[in-house]
N, C-alpha and C. Protein backbone atom coordinates (compact mmCIF):
# COMPACT_ATOMS: atom_id res chain seq x y z
N MET A 1 -45.01 -37.84 -31.41
CA MET A 1 -43.08 -37.42 -31.34
C MET A 1 -43.10 -36.89 -29.88
N ALA A 2 -42.24 -37.41 -29.41
CA ALA A 2 -42.25 -37.53 -27.88
C ALA A 2 -41.75 -35.59 -27.57
N THR A 3 -42.04 -35.25 -26.87
CA THR A 3 -41.94 -34.03 -26.16
C THR A 3 -40.91 -33.90 -25.86
N GLY A 4 -40.55 -34.58 -25.18
CA GLY A 4 -38.32 -34.66 -25.43
C GLY A 4 -38.31 -34.18 -26.36
N GLN A 5 -38.26 -35.59 -26.90
CA GLN A 5 -36.99 -35.66 -28.47
C GLN A 5 -37.46 -34.10 -29.19
N GLY A 6 -38.79 -33.81 -29.11
CA GLY A 6 -39.35 -32.13 -29.49
C GLY A 6 -38.10 -31.81 -29.73
N LEU A 7 -38.49 -31.27 -28.02
CA LEU A 7 -37.81 -29.67 -27.48
C LEU A 7 -35.82 -30.16 -27.53
N GLN A 8 -36.12 -31.90 -27.81
CA GLN A 8 -34.28 -31.73 -28.04
C GLN A 8 -34.09 -31.44 -29.71
N MET A 9 -34.24 -31.68 -29.91
CA MET A 9 -35.11 -31.69 -31.86
C MET A 9 -35.29 -29.68 -31.82
N PHE A 10 -35.74 -29.26 -31.59
CA PHE A 10 -35.47 -27.52 -31.44
C PHE A 10 -34.06 -26.69 -30.62
N VAL A 11 -33.98 -27.46 -29.67
CA VAL A 11 -33.16 -26.65 -29.39
C VAL A 11 -30.97 -26.82 -30.38
N VAL A 12 -31.02 -27.91 -30.97
CA VAL A 12 -30.61 -28.28 -32.36
C VAL A 12 -30.63 -27.34 -33.37
N ARG A 13 -31.72 -27.70 -33.63
CA ARG A 13 -32.05 -26.55 -35.13
C ARG A 13 -31.24 -24.93 -34.31
N LEU A 14 -32.25 -24.81 -32.93
CA LEU A 14 -32.22 -22.91 -32.69
C LEU A 14 -30.34 -22.98 -32.64
N VAL A 15 -29.41 -23.73 -31.99
CA VAL A 15 -28.01 -23.71 -31.88
C VAL A 15 -27.57 -23.55 -33.97
N VAL A 16 -27.65 -24.62 -33.84
CA VAL A 16 -27.32 -24.47 -35.30
C VAL A 16 -27.33 -23.80 -36.03
N LEU A 17 -29.26 -23.40 -36.58
CA LEU A 17 -28.98 -22.28 -37.17
C LEU A 17 -28.91 -20.66 -36.27
N GLY A 18 -29.05 -20.48 -35.02
CA GLY A 18 -27.98 -19.25 -34.59
C GLY A 18 -26.86 -19.39 -34.79
N PHE A 19 -25.99 -20.23 -34.93
CA PHE A 19 -24.69 -20.33 -34.87
C PHE A 19 -24.49 -20.28 -36.64
N LEU A 20 -24.97 -20.44 -37.38
CA LEU A 20 -24.71 -20.64 -38.98
C LEU A 20 -25.30 -18.88 -39.08
N ALA A 21 -25.77 -18.52 -38.30
CA ALA A 21 -27.16 -17.23 -39.18
C ALA A 21 -26.12 -16.27 -38.79
N PHE A 22 -25.14 -15.96 -37.17
CA PHE A 22 -23.70 -15.13 -36.54
C PHE A 22 -22.88 -15.66 -37.68
N TYR A 23 -22.36 -16.62 -38.09
CA TYR A 23 -21.26 -17.07 -38.23
C TYR A 23 -21.06 -16.34 -39.84
N SER A 24 -21.90 -15.96 -40.74
CA SER A 24 -22.66 -15.75 -41.71
C SER A 24 -22.43 -14.32 -41.38
N TYR A 25 -22.76 -14.18 -40.50
CA TYR A 25 -23.18 -12.18 -40.13
C TYR A 25 -21.35 -11.52 -39.74
N SER A 26 -20.70 -12.66 -39.04
CA SER A 26 -19.49 -11.83 -38.43
C SER A 26 -17.96 -11.59 -39.86
N MET A 27 -18.80 -13.41 -40.99
CA MET A 27 -17.90 -12.95 -42.00
C MET A 27 -17.99 -12.51 -43.02
N GLY A 28 -18.91 -11.47 -42.69
CA GLY A 28 -19.61 -10.13 -44.21
C GLY A 28 -18.66 -9.06 -43.97
N MET A 29 -18.36 -9.52 -42.06
CA MET A 29 -18.08 -7.97 -41.60
C MET A 29 -16.39 -7.86 -41.84
N GLU A 30 -15.90 -8.65 -42.46
CA GLU A 30 -14.51 -8.74 -42.50
C GLU A 30 -14.10 -7.82 -43.56
N HIS A 31 -12.91 -7.30 -43.42
CA HIS A 31 -13.28 -6.07 -44.22
C HIS A 31 -11.39 -6.94 -45.45
N GLY A 32 -11.37 -7.17 -44.69
CA GLY A 32 -10.07 -8.03 -45.72
C GLY A 32 -10.68 -8.64 -47.19
N GLY A 33 -9.63 -9.25 -48.47
CA GLY A 33 -10.44 -9.85 -49.26
C GLY A 33 -10.61 -11.32 -48.68
N LEU A 34 -12.01 -12.60 -48.66
CA LEU A 34 -12.27 -12.71 -48.43
C LEU A 34 -11.93 -14.63 -49.87
N ASN A 35 -11.18 -15.60 -49.77
CA ASN A 35 -11.42 -16.41 -50.96
C ASN A 35 -12.56 -16.67 -51.11
N ALA A 36 -12.89 -17.86 -51.74
CA ALA A 36 -14.03 -18.27 -52.15
C ALA A 36 -15.01 -18.85 -51.30
N PHE A 37 -14.16 -19.78 -50.13
CA PHE A 37 -15.54 -19.77 -48.89
C PHE A 37 -15.50 -18.97 -47.69
N GLY A 38 -15.15 -18.50 -47.64
CA GLY A 38 -15.32 -17.08 -47.37
C GLY A 38 -16.59 -16.27 -47.79
N GLN A 39 -16.93 -16.28 -49.25
CA GLN A 39 -17.77 -15.55 -50.11
C GLN A 39 -19.12 -15.95 -49.89
N LEU A 40 -19.01 -18.16 -49.58
CA LEU A 40 -20.01 -18.75 -49.41
C LEU A 40 -20.64 -18.61 -48.64
N VAL A 41 -19.88 -18.61 -47.51
CA VAL A 41 -20.60 -18.43 -46.15
C VAL A 41 -20.87 -16.88 -45.64
N VAL A 42 -20.41 -16.30 -46.13
CA VAL A 42 -20.74 -15.02 -46.59
C VAL A 42 -22.38 -14.73 -46.93
N TYR A 43 -22.42 -15.56 -48.08
CA TYR A 43 -23.70 -15.14 -49.10
C TYR A 43 -24.43 -16.88 -48.60
N SER A 44 -24.17 -17.37 -47.89
CA SER A 44 -24.94 -18.52 -47.36
C SER A 44 -26.52 -17.83 -45.60
N GLY A 45 -26.22 -16.47 -45.51
CA GLY A 45 -26.84 -15.74 -44.06
C GLY A 45 -28.02 -15.49 -45.41
N ILE A 46 -27.83 -15.68 -46.76
CA ILE A 46 -29.67 -15.14 -46.99
C ILE A 46 -29.95 -15.91 -47.05
N VAL A 47 -29.47 -17.69 -46.73
CA VAL A 47 -31.05 -18.81 -46.16
C VAL A 47 -30.94 -18.98 -44.94
N PHE A 48 -29.87 -18.85 -43.55
CA PHE A 48 -29.45 -18.88 -42.77
C PHE A 48 -30.27 -17.73 -42.36
N ILE A 49 -29.88 -16.55 -41.93
CA ILE A 49 -30.88 -15.40 -40.51
C ILE A 49 -31.83 -15.59 -40.88
N PRO A 50 -33.10 -15.68 -42.48
CA PRO A 50 -34.05 -14.96 -42.18
C PRO A 50 -34.38 -16.56 -41.86
N ALA A 51 -34.05 -18.05 -42.04
CA ALA A 51 -34.57 -19.09 -41.75
C ALA A 51 -34.29 -19.39 -39.62
N PHE A 52 -34.04 -18.20 -39.08
CA PHE A 52 -33.61 -18.24 -37.92
C PHE A 52 -34.32 -17.50 -37.52
N TYR A 53 -34.54 -16.08 -37.65
CA TYR A 53 -35.85 -15.33 -37.74
C TYR A 53 -37.26 -16.33 -37.75
N MET A 54 -37.19 -16.77 -38.61
CA MET A 54 -38.83 -17.68 -39.07
C MET A 54 -38.78 -18.48 -38.23
N LEU A 55 -37.33 -19.25 -36.85
CA LEU A 55 -37.78 -20.09 -36.69
C LEU A 55 -39.40 -20.94 -35.34
N PRO A 56 -39.75 -19.71 -34.90
CA PRO A 56 -40.95 -19.94 -34.37
C PRO A 56 -41.86 -20.55 -35.36
N THR A 57 -42.08 -20.11 -36.32
CA THR A 57 -42.52 -20.27 -37.60
C THR A 57 -42.70 -21.78 -38.30
N ILE A 58 -41.34 -22.79 -38.45
CA ILE A 58 -41.21 -23.70 -38.77
C ILE A 58 -41.27 -24.56 -38.29
N GLU A 59 -41.20 -23.91 -36.30
CA GLU A 59 -41.59 -24.63 -35.62
C GLU A 59 -42.83 -25.45 -35.41
N ALA A 60 -43.70 -24.71 -35.91
CA ALA A 60 -45.48 -24.38 -35.92
C ALA A 60 -45.82 -25.66 -36.96
N TRP A 61 -44.70 -24.85 -38.66
CA TRP A 61 -45.28 -26.27 -38.88
C TRP A 61 -44.61 -27.36 -39.30
N LEU A 62 -43.56 -27.71 -38.50
CA LEU A 62 -42.82 -28.97 -37.66
C LEU A 62 -43.65 -29.95 -37.11
N ARG A 63 -44.93 -29.13 -36.01
CA ARG A 63 -45.59 -29.51 -35.75
C ARG A 63 -46.99 -29.32 -35.41
N ASP A 64 -47.12 -29.29 -37.04
CA ASP A 64 -48.95 -29.43 -37.89
C ASP A 64 -49.61 -28.15 -37.01
N SER A 65 -48.96 -27.08 -36.70
CA SER A 65 -50.09 -26.58 -35.60
C SER A 65 -51.35 -25.70 -36.42
N ASN A 66 -53.12 -25.67 -35.39
CA ASN A 66 -54.14 -25.58 -36.63
C ASN A 66 -53.34 -23.80 -36.89
N ASN A 67 -52.32 -23.60 -35.74
CA ASN A 67 -52.49 -21.51 -35.66
C ASN A 67 -51.58 -20.92 -36.23
N LEU A 68 -50.41 -21.80 -37.61
CA LEU A 68 -49.51 -21.70 -38.51
C LEU A 68 -49.13 -20.42 -39.40
N PRO A 69 -51.31 -19.89 -40.08
CA PRO A 69 -50.85 -18.45 -40.33
C PRO A 69 -50.50 -17.53 -39.76
N ALA A 70 -51.26 -17.43 -38.03
CA ALA A 70 -51.35 -16.72 -37.08
C ALA A 70 -50.34 -16.57 -36.78
N ILE A 71 -49.59 -17.63 -36.33
CA ILE A 71 -48.42 -17.65 -35.52
C ILE A 71 -46.91 -17.21 -36.93
N ALA A 72 -47.41 -17.52 -37.99
CA ALA A 72 -45.88 -16.31 -39.35
C ALA A 72 -46.40 -15.13 -38.99
N ALA A 73 -47.48 -14.85 -39.55
CA ALA A 73 -47.47 -13.71 -39.09
C ALA A 73 -46.87 -12.25 -37.36
N VAL A 74 -47.16 -13.12 -36.63
CA VAL A 74 -46.39 -12.58 -35.20
C VAL A 74 -45.38 -13.08 -35.58
N ASN A 75 -44.95 -14.05 -35.82
CA ASN A 75 -43.63 -13.66 -36.01
C ASN A 75 -42.81 -13.15 -37.10
N PHE A 76 -43.39 -12.42 -38.23
CA PHE A 76 -43.07 -11.79 -39.29
C PHE A 76 -43.05 -9.96 -39.02
N PHE A 77 -44.49 -9.91 -38.41
CA PHE A 77 -44.37 -8.69 -38.39
C PHE A 77 -43.95 -8.45 -36.40
N LEU A 78 -44.00 -9.45 -36.06
CA LEU A 78 -43.71 -8.44 -34.40
C LEU A 78 -42.22 -9.28 -34.08
N GLY A 79 -41.25 -10.92 -34.97
CA GLY A 79 -39.90 -10.86 -34.40
C GLY A 79 -38.92 -10.39 -34.06
N TRP A 80 -38.82 -9.02 -35.03
CA TRP A 80 -37.85 -8.07 -34.60
C TRP A 80 -37.55 -7.82 -32.94
N SER A 81 -38.74 -7.51 -32.70
CA SER A 81 -38.84 -7.38 -31.40
C SER A 81 -38.24 -8.87 -30.54
N LEU A 82 -38.16 -9.09 -29.62
CA LEU A 82 -37.41 -10.41 -28.32
C LEU A 82 -38.80 -10.86 -28.14
N LEU A 83 -39.63 -9.68 -27.73
CA LEU A 83 -41.44 -10.49 -27.25
C LEU A 83 -41.70 -10.99 -27.98
N GLY A 84 -42.04 -10.21 -29.28
CA GLY A 84 -42.64 -10.98 -30.58
C GLY A 84 -42.35 -12.20 -30.99
N TRP A 85 -40.61 -12.63 -31.32
CA TRP A 85 -40.09 -13.74 -31.31
C TRP A 85 -40.44 -14.74 -30.50
N VAL A 86 -40.35 -14.12 -29.08
CA VAL A 86 -40.69 -15.69 -28.25
C VAL A 86 -42.42 -16.19 -28.48
N ALA A 87 -42.87 -14.82 -28.53
CA ALA A 87 -44.69 -15.41 -28.32
C ALA A 87 -44.97 -15.91 -29.28
N ALA A 88 -44.41 -16.18 -30.89
CA ALA A 88 -44.50 -16.61 -32.00
C ALA A 88 -44.09 -17.87 -31.48
N LEU A 89 -43.20 -18.28 -30.54
CA LEU A 89 -42.29 -19.65 -30.10
C LEU A 89 -43.30 -20.24 -28.99
N VAL A 90 -43.68 -19.26 -28.55
CA VAL A 90 -44.35 -20.22 -27.06
C VAL A 90 -45.27 -21.04 -27.90
N TRP A 91 -46.03 -19.96 -29.05
CA TRP A 91 -48.04 -20.45 -29.40
C TRP A 91 -46.49 -21.15 -30.36
N ALA A 92 -45.91 -21.66 -30.72
CA ALA A 92 -46.06 -23.11 -32.11
C ALA A 92 -45.41 -23.72 -31.06
N PHE A 93 -44.82 -24.18 -29.58
CA PHE A 93 -45.19 -25.12 -28.94
C PHE A 93 -46.22 -25.79 -28.51
N LYS A 94 -47.34 -24.50 -28.38
CA LYS A 94 -48.65 -25.16 -27.50
C LYS A 94 -48.74 -26.01 -28.91
N GLN A 95 -49.50 -26.80 -27.08
CA GLN A 95 -50.74 -28.10 -27.88
C GLN A 95 -52.23 -26.92 -27.92
N PRO A 96 -52.21 -27.97 -29.14
CA PRO A 96 -54.08 -27.77 -30.18
C PRO A 96 -54.51 -28.01 -27.74
N SER A 97 -55.80 -27.81 -27.59
CA SER A 97 -56.81 -27.76 -26.99
C SER A 97 -58.11 -28.66 -27.29
N PRO A 98 -58.11 -30.07 -26.42
CA PRO A 98 -59.47 -30.50 -26.26
C PRO A 98 -60.17 -30.36 -27.25
N VAL A 99 -60.68 -30.07 -28.28
CA VAL A 99 -62.38 -30.21 -28.69
C VAL A 99 -63.83 -30.59 -28.07
N VAL A 100 -64.68 -29.95 -27.42
CA VAL A 100 -65.71 -31.16 -26.24
C VAL A 100 -67.12 -30.56 -27.42
N VAL A 101 -67.41 -31.79 -27.54
CA VAL A 101 -68.56 -31.68 -28.94
C VAL A 101 -69.71 -31.81 -28.08
N SER A 102 -70.56 -30.74 -27.98
CA SER A 102 -71.27 -31.16 -26.96
C SER A 102 -72.92 -31.10 -27.96
N GLY A 103 -74.33 -30.79 -27.69
CA GLY A 103 -75.58 -31.35 -28.61
C GLY A 103 -75.43 -32.22 -29.11
N ALA A 104 -77.21 -32.04 -30.18
CA ALA A 104 -77.35 -33.77 -30.76
C ALA A 104 -76.18 -33.88 -32.33
N ALA A 105 -74.96 -33.44 -32.43
CA ALA A 105 -73.75 -32.72 -33.37
C ALA A 105 -72.90 -34.49 -32.79
N GLY A 106 -73.40 -34.18 -31.46
CA GLY A 106 -71.64 -35.05 -30.53
C GLY A 106 -72.44 -36.08 -30.86
N GLY A 107 -73.67 -37.05 -31.34
CA GLY A 107 -74.06 -38.21 -32.33
C GLY A 107 -74.03 -39.22 -30.23
N ASN A 108 -74.64 -38.47 -29.72
CA ASN A 108 -74.05 -39.02 -27.95
C ASN A 108 -76.12 -39.68 -28.16
N PRO A 109 -76.34 -40.70 -27.81
CA PRO A 109 -77.37 -41.44 -27.53
C PRO A 109 -78.09 -40.93 -26.43
N ASN A 110 -77.61 -40.74 -25.16
CA ASN A 110 -78.48 -40.64 -24.31
C ASN A 110 -78.76 -39.13 -23.69
N LEU A 111 -78.35 -38.78 -24.82
CA LEU A 111 -78.07 -37.25 -25.33
C LEU A 111 -79.66 -36.91 -24.73
N TYR A 112 -80.97 -37.33 -25.55
CA TYR A 112 -82.61 -36.37 -25.09
C TYR A 112 -82.86 -37.82 -24.01
N ALA A 113 -82.35 -37.92 -22.84
CA ALA A 113 -82.59 -39.56 -22.09
C ALA A 113 -83.76 -38.76 -21.04
N GLU A 114 -83.62 -37.53 -21.19
CA GLU A 114 -84.87 -37.45 -20.06
C GLU A 114 -86.33 -37.29 -20.77
N ASP A 115 -86.25 -37.10 -22.23
CA ASP A 115 -87.16 -37.44 -22.90
C ASP A 115 -87.67 -39.14 -22.87
N LYS A 116 -86.58 -39.03 -22.78
CA LYS A 116 -87.52 -41.02 -22.98
C LYS A 116 -88.34 -41.43 -21.45
N PRO A 117 -88.85 -42.09 -21.94
CA PRO A 117 -89.47 -43.12 -20.44
C PRO A 117 -89.37 -43.81 -19.16
N LYS A 118 -89.32 -43.94 -18.00
CA LYS A 118 -88.18 -44.14 -17.19
C LYS A 118 -89.88 -45.06 -16.00
N LYS A 119 -88.53 -45.79 -15.74
CA LYS A 119 -89.23 -46.68 -14.21
C LYS A 119 -87.55 -46.51 -12.62
N ASN A 120 -88.12 -47.47 -12.13
CA ASN A 120 -87.57 -47.24 -10.93
C ASN A 120 -87.05 -48.92 -11.36
N CYS A 121 -85.21 -48.82 -10.56
CA CYS A 121 -84.88 -50.35 -10.40
C CYS A 121 -85.41 -51.35 -9.29
N LYS A 122 -85.51 -52.34 -9.46
CA LYS A 122 -86.02 -53.16 -7.73
C LYS A 122 -85.37 -53.46 -7.19
N PHE A 123 -84.38 -53.14 -7.83
CA PHE A 123 -83.40 -53.59 -6.48
C PHE A 123 -82.64 -52.39 -5.96
N CYS A 124 -82.19 -51.77 -6.47
CA CYS A 124 -82.14 -50.42 -5.57
C CYS A 124 -82.31 -49.27 -5.58
N GLY A 125 -84.35 -49.28 -6.44
CA GLY A 125 -84.98 -47.82 -6.44
C GLY A 125 -84.82 -46.45 -7.35
N GLU A 126 -82.99 -46.51 -7.74
CA GLU A 126 -82.63 -45.33 -8.90
C GLU A 126 -83.47 -45.12 -10.46
N GLU A 127 -83.98 -44.20 -10.62
CA GLU A 127 -84.35 -43.93 -11.82
C GLU A 127 -83.73 -44.73 -12.97
N ILE A 128 -84.05 -45.30 -14.16
CA ILE A 128 -83.75 -45.70 -15.23
C ILE A 128 -84.46 -45.15 -15.56
N LEU A 129 -84.17 -45.34 -17.20
CA LEU A 129 -84.87 -45.14 -18.55
C LEU A 129 -85.64 -46.79 -18.43
N ALA A 130 -86.74 -47.08 -19.29
CA ALA A 130 -87.44 -47.95 -19.37
C ALA A 130 -87.77 -48.78 -20.17
N ILE A 131 -86.00 -48.89 -20.86
CA ILE A 131 -85.93 -50.03 -21.73
C ILE A 131 -84.37 -49.90 -21.25
N ALA A 132 -84.17 -50.63 -20.45
CA ALA A 132 -83.21 -50.87 -19.33
C ALA A 132 -83.15 -52.14 -18.87
N ILE A 133 -81.63 -52.85 -19.93
CA ILE A 133 -81.66 -54.49 -19.91
C ILE A 133 -80.32 -53.89 -18.22
N LYS A 134 -80.50 -53.84 -17.23
CA LYS A 134 -79.44 -53.01 -17.18
C LYS A 134 -78.87 -52.04 -16.25
N CYS A 135 -79.21 -52.78 -15.06
CA CYS A 135 -78.74 -50.82 -14.78
C CYS A 135 -77.98 -49.89 -13.74
N LYS A 136 -77.66 -49.16 -14.61
CA LYS A 136 -76.65 -48.26 -14.73
C LYS A 136 -75.72 -47.30 -13.32
N HIS A 137 -76.12 -47.93 -12.46
CA HIS A 137 -76.51 -47.79 -10.69
C HIS A 137 -76.03 -48.63 -10.21
N CYS A 138 -76.25 -49.50 -9.90
CA CYS A 138 -75.86 -50.77 -8.85
C CYS A 138 -75.25 -52.29 -9.81
N GLY A 139 -75.80 -51.84 -12.02
CA GLY A 139 -75.48 -53.17 -12.03
C GLY A 139 -75.92 -54.65 -12.16
N SER A 140 -76.88 -54.01 -11.94
CA SER A 140 -78.18 -55.40 -11.80
C SER A 140 -79.00 -55.78 -13.20
N ASP A 141 -79.08 -56.82 -13.37
CA ASP A 141 -79.14 -57.99 -14.98
C ASP A 141 -80.83 -57.75 -14.36
N LEU A 142 -81.47 -57.09 -15.50
CA LEU A 142 -82.58 -56.80 -15.15
C LEU A 142 -83.83 -57.29 -16.14
N GLN A 143 -83.55 -57.84 -16.92
CA GLN A 143 -83.75 -58.83 -18.00
C GLN A 143 -84.66 -60.54 -17.40
N GLN A 144 -83.90 -61.21 -16.52
CA GLN A 144 -83.13 -61.64 -15.41
C GLN A 144 -84.61 -60.99 -14.65
N ALA A 145 -84.82 -59.97 -13.91
CA ALA A 145 -86.24 -60.08 -12.83
C ALA A 145 -87.18 -60.64 -13.17
N SER A 146 -87.50 -60.53 -14.26
CA SER A 146 -88.73 -59.77 -15.15
C SER A 146 -89.30 -61.13 -15.62
C-alpha cells in the first residue's frame, strides 16, 4: 500500500471513529427521553469509543507491525494520556528497519575470502582470488590471458 494512501485511510478512520464516538457520547448526555434511534446511537458507543481509543493498535494490526503486542500494551495502559496514545500511534506508523545479516548465516560466499589463495591481476596489478576468471577491479578476462 502506498504511504500516501495509507495515511489518507488513517485520517478517514480517525475522523469517522472520532465523530461516531463523540456523537454516541453526546447523545448519551441528553436528559430527555430518546427514541429508538437515539438509544441505538448511545449504545453504539460501546463499540465506537473503545475502537477510537485503540486506533493505534488497529493501525499497527492493519500494517502488520512486528511490534503489535508492545504497541497494544502501550496503547491500552498509557493511551489515556494523550502522550501515550500519540506514542503508540507513531510507533504503529514506524516502518520496520531492514535487518542486516552478517556472518556465516548470511550465506555470503566471499565471507572468508581472506583465507583463500590470492594472485595479482596481470592487467592492473590488484590482488584477486587465485581462482578468479575476471578481475573485480579492472574487469579484464583472466582466462583469455592465460
